[in-house]
Amino acid sequence: MTPEAISLVRLEPRALLWIEVWSEAGKAALAEMVGGPLPPPNWIVTLGEWRAEGVEPGVWRLLGVAEAAEFTVVRLKEALASDGAVIDLSGAEGVLALRGEHWREALMIGGVFDAESLSFTVGAAAGTVLHHTPVRYGVDETGVEIACALSRLDDLAHHLARAVDRINRSGF
C-alpha cells in the first residue's frame, strides 16, 4: 500500500469564460478564434492556452490563464458579434483536484454521481451535486478537477478531505 492512495489539492485561480453561440456562423467564428473545434457537451479539449468544456449544445466554458481573460473576452465578442455572448466569470469559482489512484471512490462519498462509469474517462466533464454543492467535474490523466462557486469551496474542501482521509485509512 502507498502512503497516500489519494490527495486533495486546491488549484490556483484561473480565468473562466462562459460562451453561448446561437448560429453556425458563430460556432465557426468561435472555433477559428480558439484554434480548433469545440467539444460536444460533457467533454473537454485543450485549445492552445485554453481548455474548452462543452456544457450543452451551443454553450462552452473556457478555462485558462487569468491574465489572458480580458483580452480574450474583447476578441471573442468581436468575433461572435450578434451570433453569441461571452461572460467573464473569472473569480466566481474555485477548483479542487483529487489526485491518485482512488479519486473515484472519494467522489462516491457524499455524491450522487456514478464516478465508476466507463464513460467517465480522461477528457470527460460532468455537472452534478457533491456534498450539497453544485459542481463541475473534469477528468484528466492524474485524477479529477472539481469546480464550484467560490463561496462553497471551503465547505466542499472540508467534506472531500474527510472522504480522502477515510479512503487513505481504509488501506486501498
Protein backbone atom coordinates (compact mmCIF):
# COMPACT_ATOMS: atom_id res chain seq x y z
CA MET A 1 0.00 0.00 0.00
CA THR A 2 1.23 3.51 -0.81
CA PRO A 3 1.29 6.13 1.98
CA GLU A 4 -1.50 8.08 0.25
CA ALA A 5 -3.88 6.42 -2.17
CA ILE A 6 -5.39 9.82 -2.91
CA SER A 7 -4.70 13.50 -2.25
CA LEU A 8 -6.74 16.72 -2.30
CA VAL A 9 -5.18 19.88 -3.77
CA ARG A 10 -6.54 23.42 -4.13
CA LEU A 11 -5.66 24.77 -7.58
CA GLU A 12 -4.66 28.32 -8.43
CA PRO A 13 -7.38 30.70 -9.64
CA ARG A 14 -7.92 30.70 -13.38
CA ALA A 15 -9.91 32.55 -15.97
CA LEU A 16 -13.41 31.27 -16.66
CA LEU A 17 -15.34 32.45 -19.69
CA TRP A 18 -18.92 31.34 -20.34
CA ILE A 19 -19.77 31.36 -24.05
CA GLU A 20 -23.13 30.89 -25.74
CA VAL A 21 -23.37 30.67 -29.52
CA TRP A 22 -26.64 30.91 -31.43
CA SER A 23 -25.70 30.15 -35.04
CA GLU A 24 -23.46 28.00 -37.19
CA ALA A 25 -21.59 31.14 -38.25
CA GLY A 26 -20.96 31.90 -34.58
CA LYS A 27 -19.70 28.36 -33.96
CA ALA A 28 -17.30 28.67 -36.90
CA ALA A 29 -16.05 32.07 -35.67
CA LEU A 30 -15.54 30.69 -32.17
CA ALA A 31 -13.65 27.62 -33.42
CA GLU A 32 -11.38 29.83 -35.53
CA MET A 33 -10.81 32.19 -32.60
CA VAL A 34 -9.83 29.48 -30.10
CA GLY A 35 -7.82 27.43 -32.58
CA GLY A 36 -9.88 24.32 -33.15
CA PRO A 37 -13.22 22.58 -32.97
CA LEU A 38 -15.06 22.86 -29.67
CA PRO A 39 -16.03 19.71 -27.79
CA PRO A 40 -19.55 18.34 -27.55
CA PRO A 41 -21.38 18.52 -24.21
CA ASN A 42 -19.64 16.73 -21.34
CA TRP A 43 -16.21 16.69 -22.99
CA ILE A 44 -13.07 18.79 -22.60
CA VAL A 45 -10.35 19.63 -25.14
CA THR A 46 -7.22 21.73 -24.87
CA LEU A 47 -7.00 24.50 -27.46
CA GLY A 48 -3.77 26.46 -27.15
CA GLU A 49 -3.70 28.16 -23.75
CA TRP A 50 -7.38 27.42 -23.12
CA ARG A 51 -9.25 24.34 -22.03
CA ALA A 52 -12.72 24.21 -23.58
CA GLU A 53 -15.53 22.32 -21.86
CA GLY A 54 -18.83 21.56 -23.61
CA VAL A 55 -21.70 22.30 -21.23
CA GLU A 56 -24.69 21.87 -23.55
CA PRO A 57 -25.29 22.36 -27.28
CA GLY A 58 -24.05 25.85 -28.11
CA VAL A 59 -22.63 26.51 -24.63
CA TRP A 60 -18.99 26.21 -23.53
CA ARG A 61 -16.77 27.11 -20.62
CA LEU A 62 -13.25 28.30 -21.49
CA LEU A 63 -10.72 27.83 -18.71
CA GLY A 64 -7.29 29.36 -18.85
CA VAL A 65 -4.66 31.76 -17.62
CA ALA A 66 -6.25 34.64 -15.70
CA GLU A 67 -4.05 37.27 -17.37
CA ALA A 68 -5.44 36.39 -20.81
CA ALA A 69 -9.14 36.71 -19.93
CA GLU A 70 -9.79 40.40 -20.58
CA PHE A 71 -8.03 40.40 -23.95
CA THR A 72 -9.76 37.17 -24.94
CA VAL A 73 -13.22 38.45 -23.98
CA VAL A 74 -12.80 41.51 -26.21
CA ARG A 75 -11.62 39.39 -29.14
CA LEU A 76 -14.40 36.80 -28.66
CA LYS A 77 -17.10 39.47 -28.55
CA GLU A 78 -15.76 40.94 -31.77
CA ALA A 79 -15.58 37.53 -33.44
CA LEU A 80 -19.08 36.46 -32.36
CA ALA A 81 -20.77 39.85 -32.97
CA SER A 82 -24.52 39.16 -32.76
CA ASP A 83 -24.10 35.37 -33.05
CA GLY A 84 -23.28 34.78 -29.38
CA ALA A 85 -22.41 36.09 -25.95
CA VAL A 86 -19.34 35.95 -23.74
CA ILE A 87 -19.40 36.40 -19.97
CA ASP A 88 -16.24 36.63 -17.87
CA LEU A 89 -16.88 34.61 -14.70
CA SER A 90 -13.24 34.64 -13.56
CA GLY A 91 -13.06 34.71 -9.79
CA ALA A 92 -16.54 33.22 -9.39
CA GLU A 93 -15.39 29.66 -8.80
CA GLY A 94 -12.66 27.75 -7.06
CA VAL A 95 -11.14 24.45 -8.08
CA LEU A 96 -10.07 21.42 -6.08
CA ALA A 97 -8.29 18.40 -7.55
CA LEU A 98 -8.37 14.82 -6.38
CA ARG A 99 -5.18 13.04 -7.44
CA GLY A 100 -4.20 9.43 -7.09
CA GLU A 101 -5.46 6.01 -7.88
CA HIS A 102 -8.68 6.10 -5.78
CA TRP A 103 -10.12 9.52 -6.64
CA ARG A 104 -13.33 7.92 -7.96
CA GLU A 105 -14.12 6.46 -4.56
CA ALA A 106 -13.89 9.91 -2.95
CA LEU A 107 -16.48 11.27 -5.39
CA MET A 108 -18.84 8.46 -4.45
CA ILE A 109 -18.80 9.54 -0.78
CA GLY A 110 -21.37 12.28 -0.42
CA GLY A 111 -22.25 12.40 -4.11
CA VAL A 112 -24.98 11.13 -6.39
CA PHE A 113 -22.78 10.53 -9.42
CA ASP A 114 -21.52 7.22 -10.84
CA ALA A 115 -17.82 8.07 -10.95
CA GLU A 116 -17.02 4.44 -11.78
CA SER A 117 -18.79 4.59 -15.16
CA LEU A 118 -16.51 3.62 -18.04
CA SER A 119 -17.68 6.71 -19.94
CA PHE A 120 -16.26 8.98 -17.20
CA THR A 121 -12.73 8.86 -18.60
CA VAL A 122 -9.92 11.27 -19.50
CA GLY A 123 -11.46 14.25 -21.27
CA ALA A 124 -14.92 13.74 -19.77
CA ALA A 125 -16.78 16.53 -17.99
CA ALA A 126 -19.96 16.49 -15.93
CA GLY A 127 -22.09 18.61 -13.69
CA THR A 128 -23.72 17.25 -10.54
CA VAL A 129 -24.08 17.83 -6.80
CA LEU A 130 -21.41 16.81 -4.30
CA HIS A 131 -21.97 17.34 -0.57
CA HIS A 132 -24.98 19.57 -1.37
CA THR A 133 -22.82 21.76 -3.65
CA PRO A 134 -23.34 22.15 -7.41
CA VAL A 135 -20.05 21.16 -9.06
CA ARG A 136 -18.43 20.65 -12.48
CA TYR A 137 -16.03 17.73 -12.91
CA GLY A 138 -13.24 17.49 -15.45
CA VAL A 139 -11.21 14.28 -15.73
CA ASP A 140 -7.53 14.39 -16.69
CA GLU A 141 -4.66 11.88 -16.69
CA THR A 142 -3.98 12.22 -12.95
CA GLY A 143 -7.47 12.46 -11.47
CA VAL A 144 -10.35 14.90 -11.45
CA GLU A 145 -10.76 18.65 -11.07
CA ILE A 146 -13.84 19.82 -9.19
CA ALA A 147 -15.06 23.38 -9.74
CA CYS A 148 -17.69 25.06 -7.59
CA ALA A 149 -18.80 28.50 -6.50
CA LEU A 150 -16.01 30.18 -4.54
CA SER A 151 -18.43 30.75 -1.64
CA ARG A 152 -18.81 26.94 -1.26
CA LEU A 153 -15.18 25.92 -1.84
CA ASP A 154 -14.05 25.73 1.80
CA ASP A 155 -17.07 23.64 2.81
CA LEU A 156 -16.58 21.29 -0.14
CA ALA A 157 -12.84 21.01 0.63
CA HIS A 158 -13.69 20.04 4.23
CA HIS A 159 -16.04 17.24 3.12
CA LEU A 160 -13.64 15.98 0.46
CA ALA A 161 -10.74 15.99 2.93
CA ARG A 162 -12.80 13.74 5.21
CA ALA A 163 -13.54 11.40 2.28
CA VAL A 164 -9.85 11.33 1.31
CA ASP A 165 -8.85 10.56 4.88
CA ARG A 166 -11.42 7.76 5.07
CA ILE A 167 -10.11 6.20 1.84
CA ASN A 168 -6.44 6.55 2.82
CA ARG A 169 -7.11 4.96 6.23
CA SER A 170 -9.05 2.06 4.68
CA GLY A 171 -5.88 0.55 3.21
CA PHE A 172 -6.71 0.67 -0.50
